[in-house]
N, C-alpha and C. Protein backbone atom coordinates (compact mmCIF):
# COMPACT_ATOMS: atom_id res chain seq x y z
N UNK A 1 53.81 32.04 62.38
CA UNK A 1 55.16 32.27 62.38
C UNK A 1 56.02 31.31 62.01
N UNK A 2 56.78 32.09 61.16
CA UNK A 2 57.93 30.80 60.33
C UNK A 2 59.04 30.74 61.22
N UNK A 3 59.77 29.83 61.31
CA UNK A 3 60.93 29.82 61.56
C UNK A 3 61.84 29.22 60.35
N UNK A 4 63.19 29.25 60.49
CA UNK A 4 63.98 28.98 59.29
C UNK A 4 64.00 27.40 59.10
N UNK A 5 63.52 27.03 57.93
CA UNK A 5 63.59 25.80 57.55
C UNK A 5 62.08 25.06 57.74
N UNK A 6 60.94 26.12 58.28
CA UNK A 6 60.09 25.44 58.56
C UNK A 6 59.21 26.53 59.58
N UNK A 7 58.07 25.67 60.04
CA UNK A 7 56.77 26.54 60.59
C UNK A 7 57.06 25.95 62.14
N UNK A 8 56.15 26.73 62.86
CA UNK A 8 56.07 26.67 64.52
C UNK A 8 55.01 25.52 64.48
N UNK A 9 55.28 24.28 65.21
CA UNK A 9 54.24 23.45 65.37
C UNK A 9 52.89 23.93 65.85
N UNK A 10 51.79 23.50 65.47
CA UNK A 10 50.60 23.82 65.86
C UNK A 10 50.30 23.69 67.25
N UNK A 11 50.19 24.46 68.15
CA UNK A 11 49.71 24.49 69.30
C UNK A 11 48.26 23.87 69.73
N UNK A 12 48.32 22.77 70.57
CA UNK A 12 47.09 21.73 70.79
C UNK A 12 46.53 22.38 72.08
N UNK A 13 45.28 22.93 71.51
CA UNK A 13 44.48 23.80 71.91
C UNK A 13 43.75 23.07 73.28
N UNK A 14 43.09 21.69 72.95
CA UNK A 14 42.48 20.95 73.79
C UNK A 14 43.59 20.84 75.39
N UNK A 15 45.03 20.34 74.57
CA UNK A 15 45.81 20.07 76.05
C UNK A 15 45.71 21.49 76.97
N UNK A 16 45.96 22.27 75.95
CA UNK A 16 45.80 23.78 76.93
C UNK A 16 44.70 24.09 77.75
N UNK A 17 43.35 24.01 77.47
CA UNK A 17 42.09 23.68 78.02
C UNK A 17 42.25 22.81 79.04
N UNK A 18 43.08 21.51 79.26
CA UNK A 18 42.94 20.56 80.06
C UNK A 18 44.21 21.44 81.26
N UNK A 19 44.90 21.37 80.74
CA UNK A 19 45.90 22.13 81.74
C UNK A 19 45.53 23.43 82.47
N UNK A 20 45.13 24.32 81.84
CA UNK A 20 44.23 25.45 82.68
C UNK A 20 42.92 24.99 83.52
N UNK A 21 42.42 24.09 83.30
CA UNK A 21 41.55 23.58 84.21
C UNK A 21 41.83 22.75 85.47
N UNK A 22 43.04 22.20 84.93
CA UNK A 22 43.44 21.07 86.07
C UNK A 22 44.52 22.07 86.91
N UNK A 23 44.78 23.23 86.62
CA UNK A 23 45.65 23.86 87.79
C UNK A 23 44.33 24.96 88.64
N UNK A 24 43.43 25.72 87.76
CA UNK A 24 42.51 26.14 88.55
C UNK A 24 41.69 25.42 89.36
N UNK A 25 41.16 24.36 89.17
CA UNK A 25 40.82 23.36 89.98
C UNK A 25 41.57 23.17 91.27
N UNK A 26 42.74 22.83 91.20
CA UNK A 26 43.75 22.01 91.99
C UNK A 26 43.94 23.33 93.09
N UNK A 27 44.54 24.35 92.23
CA UNK A 27 44.71 25.37 93.25
C UNK A 27 43.61 26.27 94.11
N UNK A 28 42.48 26.03 93.65
CA UNK A 28 40.92 26.78 94.05
C UNK A 28 41.28 28.25 93.73
N UNK A 29 41.57 28.30 92.76
CA UNK A 29 41.38 29.70 92.57
C UNK A 29 40.49 30.39 92.39
N UNK A 30 40.17 31.79 92.58
CA UNK A 30 39.18 32.65 92.53
C UNK A 30 38.72 32.58 90.98
N UNK A 31 37.43 33.04 90.75
CA UNK A 31 37.10 33.20 89.39
C UNK A 31 37.95 34.14 88.48
N UNK A 32 38.41 35.45 89.47
CA UNK A 32 38.92 36.56 89.09
C UNK A 32 40.43 36.05 88.65
N UNK A 33 40.94 35.29 88.88
CA UNK A 33 42.42 34.99 88.61
C UNK A 33 42.04 34.12 87.32
N UNK A 34 43.52 34.50 86.66
CA UNK A 34 43.65 34.03 85.18
C UNK A 34 44.95 33.01 84.93
N UNK A 35 44.88 31.82 84.36
CA UNK A 35 46.04 31.57 83.99
C UNK A 35 46.03 31.52 82.10
N UNK A 36 47.48 31.89 81.87
CA UNK A 36 47.77 32.16 80.51
C UNK A 36 48.88 31.36 80.32
N UNK A 37 48.53 30.35 79.14
CA UNK A 37 49.48 29.21 78.67
C UNK A 37 49.71 29.64 77.08
N UNK A 38 51.16 30.03 77.13
CA UNK A 38 51.62 30.43 75.96
C UNK A 38 52.84 29.63 75.09
N UNK A 39 52.58 29.03 73.98
CA UNK A 39 54.09 28.34 73.36
C UNK A 39 54.71 29.46 72.70
N UNK A 40 56.05 29.44 73.06
CA UNK A 40 56.80 30.40 72.10
C UNK A 40 57.78 29.71 71.50
N UNK A 41 58.41 30.10 70.12
CA UNK A 41 59.50 29.68 69.25
C UNK A 41 60.45 29.62 70.29
N UNK A 42 61.39 29.16 70.17
CA UNK A 42 62.60 29.21 71.39
C UNK A 42 63.85 29.34 70.12
N UNK A 43 64.64 30.31 69.87
CA UNK A 43 65.85 30.13 69.12
C UNK A 43 66.86 30.12 69.80
N UNK A 44 67.00 30.20 71.21
CA UNK A 44 68.44 30.17 71.54
C UNK A 44 69.11 28.82 71.13
N UNK A 45 70.57 28.86 71.23
CA UNK A 45 71.35 27.44 70.76
C UNK A 45 70.67 26.42 71.82
N UNK A 46 70.89 25.03 71.17
CA UNK A 46 70.29 24.09 72.05
C UNK A 46 68.79 24.04 72.81
N UNK A 47 68.26 24.97 72.70
CA UNK A 47 66.83 25.25 72.92
C UNK A 47 65.74 24.32 72.07
N UNK A 48 64.68 23.71 72.63
CA UNK A 48 63.73 22.65 71.81
C UNK A 48 63.38 24.19 71.29
N UNK A 49 62.28 23.94 70.26
CA UNK A 49 61.51 24.56 69.08
C UNK A 49 60.76 25.48 69.82
N UNK A 50 60.22 24.84 71.02
CA UNK A 50 59.01 25.52 71.29
C UNK A 50 59.49 25.85 72.60
N UNK A 51 59.15 26.71 73.82
CA UNK A 51 59.04 26.47 74.87
C UNK A 51 57.64 27.26 75.54
N UNK A 52 56.92 26.53 76.79
CA UNK A 52 55.63 27.14 77.11
C UNK A 52 56.09 27.53 78.27
N UNK A 53 54.99 28.86 78.22
CA UNK A 53 55.42 29.60 79.45
C UNK A 53 53.80 29.53 80.25
N UNK A 54 53.87 29.45 81.67
CA UNK A 54 52.27 29.04 82.21
C UNK A 54 52.55 30.35 83.35
N UNK A 55 51.36 31.25 82.98
CA UNK A 55 51.26 32.23 83.91
C UNK A 55 50.36 32.75 84.42
N UNK A 56 50.28 33.04 86.18
CA UNK A 56 49.07 33.30 86.89
C UNK A 56 49.08 34.76 87.01
N UNK A 57 47.80 35.33 86.95
CA UNK A 57 47.59 36.36 87.07
C UNK A 57 46.45 36.79 87.88
N UNK A 58 46.57 37.57 88.88
CA UNK A 58 46.03 37.70 90.45
C UNK A 58 45.86 39.14 90.65
N UNK A 59 44.51 39.78 90.76
CA UNK A 59 44.30 41.14 91.31
C UNK A 59 45.32 41.36 92.44
N UNK A 60 45.89 42.32 92.47
CA UNK A 60 46.45 42.82 93.69
C UNK A 60 48.21 42.03 93.95
N UNK A 61 48.35 41.35 93.12
CA UNK A 61 49.68 40.38 93.08
C UNK A 61 50.52 40.35 91.62
N UNK A 62 51.74 40.31 92.00
CA UNK A 62 52.75 40.35 90.74
C UNK A 62 52.63 39.10 90.18
N UNK A 63 52.43 38.93 88.65
CA UNK A 63 52.39 37.68 87.97
C UNK A 63 53.41 36.69 88.38
N UNK A 64 52.89 35.28 88.37
CA UNK A 64 53.53 34.22 88.64
C UNK A 64 53.77 33.60 87.67
N UNK A 65 55.03 33.09 86.87
CA UNK A 65 55.40 32.78 85.83
C UNK A 65 56.08 31.53 85.83
N UNK A 66 56.28 30.24 85.13
CA UNK A 66 57.31 29.39 84.86
C UNK A 66 57.29 28.83 83.59
N UNK A 67 58.72 28.58 83.06
CA UNK A 67 58.71 28.21 81.95
C UNK A 67 59.11 26.64 81.80
N UNK A 68 58.95 25.91 80.41
CA UNK A 68 59.17 24.43 80.55
C UNK A 68 59.58 24.44 78.92
N UNK A 69 60.35 23.89 78.67
CA UNK A 69 61.42 23.78 77.18
C UNK A 69 60.81 22.53 76.72
N UNK A 70 59.28 22.52 76.39
CA UNK A 70 58.68 22.17 75.46
C UNK A 70 57.47 22.15 75.26
N UNK A 71 56.69 21.77 74.27
CA UNK A 71 55.44 22.31 74.27
C UNK A 71 54.30 21.73 75.42
N UNK A 72 53.02 22.60 75.32
CA UNK A 72 51.83 22.03 76.24
C UNK A 72 51.65 20.49 75.82
N UNK A 73 51.50 20.24 74.73
CA UNK A 73 51.31 18.66 74.46
C UNK A 73 52.09 17.58 74.89
N UNK A 74 53.43 18.21 75.54
CA UNK A 74 53.94 17.00 76.12
C UNK A 74 54.11 17.24 77.85
N UNK A 75 53.16 17.98 78.22
CA UNK A 75 53.36 18.24 79.60
C UNK A 75 52.38 16.75 80.29
N UNK A 76 53.24 16.81 81.54
CA UNK A 76 52.45 15.38 82.31
C UNK A 76 52.34 15.79 83.57
N UNK A 77 51.70 15.51 84.52
CA UNK A 77 51.33 15.56 85.98
C UNK A 77 52.29 16.17 86.47
N UNK A 78 53.59 16.00 86.19
CA UNK A 78 54.82 16.14 87.20
C UNK A 78 55.14 17.61 87.14
N UNK A 79 54.96 17.93 85.54
CA UNK A 79 54.90 19.25 85.13
C UNK A 79 54.02 20.32 85.89
N UNK A 80 52.68 19.84 86.38
CA UNK A 80 51.64 20.68 86.71
C UNK A 80 51.92 20.91 88.21
N UNK A 81 52.39 19.81 88.74
CA UNK A 81 53.01 19.82 89.97
C UNK A 81 54.10 20.74 90.36
N UNK A 82 54.92 20.95 89.39
CA UNK A 82 56.04 21.78 89.36
C UNK A 82 55.73 23.21 89.57
N UNK A 83 54.99 23.34 88.60
CA UNK A 83 54.55 24.86 88.53
C UNK A 83 53.76 25.15 89.57
N UNK A 84 52.76 24.28 90.41
CA UNK A 84 52.06 24.67 91.45
C UNK A 84 53.15 24.95 92.83
N UNK A 85 53.76 24.29 92.69
CA UNK A 85 54.99 24.12 94.03
C UNK A 85 55.86 25.48 93.69
N UNK A 86 56.40 25.86 92.50
CA UNK A 86 57.35 26.95 92.40
C UNK A 86 56.59 28.02 92.91
N UNK A 87 54.95 27.94 92.60
CA UNK A 87 54.04 29.11 92.68
C UNK A 87 53.62 29.35 94.11
N UNK A 88 53.96 28.33 95.03
CA UNK A 88 53.73 28.04 96.53
C UNK A 88 52.77 27.95 96.93
N UNK A 89 51.82 26.75 95.95
CA UNK A 89 50.96 26.03 96.07
C UNK A 89 51.15 24.43 96.27
N UNK A 90 52.11 23.63 97.54
CA UNK A 90 52.43 22.62 97.38
C UNK A 90 51.22 21.93 97.28
N UNK A 91 51.16 20.73 96.68
CA UNK A 91 49.72 20.08 96.44
C UNK A 91 50.34 18.22 96.50
N UNK A 92 49.44 17.53 96.33
CA UNK A 92 49.43 16.17 95.96
C UNK A 92 49.57 15.56 94.55
N UNK A 93 50.34 14.92 94.61
CA UNK A 93 50.62 14.55 93.28
C UNK A 93 49.29 13.67 92.52
N UNK A 94 48.29 13.28 93.56
CA UNK A 94 47.04 12.87 93.01
C UNK A 94 46.11 13.52 92.59
N UNK A 95 46.29 15.15 92.63
CA UNK A 95 45.59 16.19 92.11
C UNK A 95 45.49 16.08 90.98
N UNK A 96 46.64 15.71 90.02
CA UNK A 96 46.78 16.06 88.40
C UNK A 96 46.96 14.51 88.04
N UNK A 97 46.68 13.17 88.66
CA UNK A 97 47.09 12.14 88.00
C UNK A 97 45.74 11.59 86.73
N UNK A 98 45.09 12.29 86.98
CA UNK A 98 44.04 12.37 85.61
C UNK A 98 44.34 12.95 84.49
N UNK A 99 45.05 14.00 84.81
CA UNK A 99 45.61 14.77 83.68
C UNK A 99 46.31 14.23 82.92
N UNK A 100 47.19 13.16 82.88
CA UNK A 100 48.06 12.16 82.46
C UNK A 100 47.07 10.88 81.65
N UNK A 101 46.20 10.39 82.14
CA UNK A 101 45.43 9.64 81.55
C UNK A 101 44.18 10.05 80.76
N UNK A 102 44.09 11.69 80.56
CA UNK A 102 43.06 12.32 79.70
C UNK A 102 43.39 12.59 78.31
N UNK A 103 44.96 12.52 78.13
CA UNK A 103 45.69 12.91 77.08
C UNK A 103 45.37 12.11 75.77
């Protein structure tokens, strides 16, 4: 996708996989659950070039979604805790500390 004056930065697929894996493990999700991580161009005034939408899909439930105004490559443990708590999964920060170290 082309933006005015340049192109959208490439998604860091390794980081997306790490985020999905960390959330799946920490939230003890069933195999039928799906976590989707999508980076979108943000064209609103004052918005960073990329926003990341994290979505949890589970059978029989409405999708849960949370947006971050930064690319997935900039996620830290606190972001994973934030999305987990917003989705109703209060967690201990130590569950995600390895995510920061693996960057």
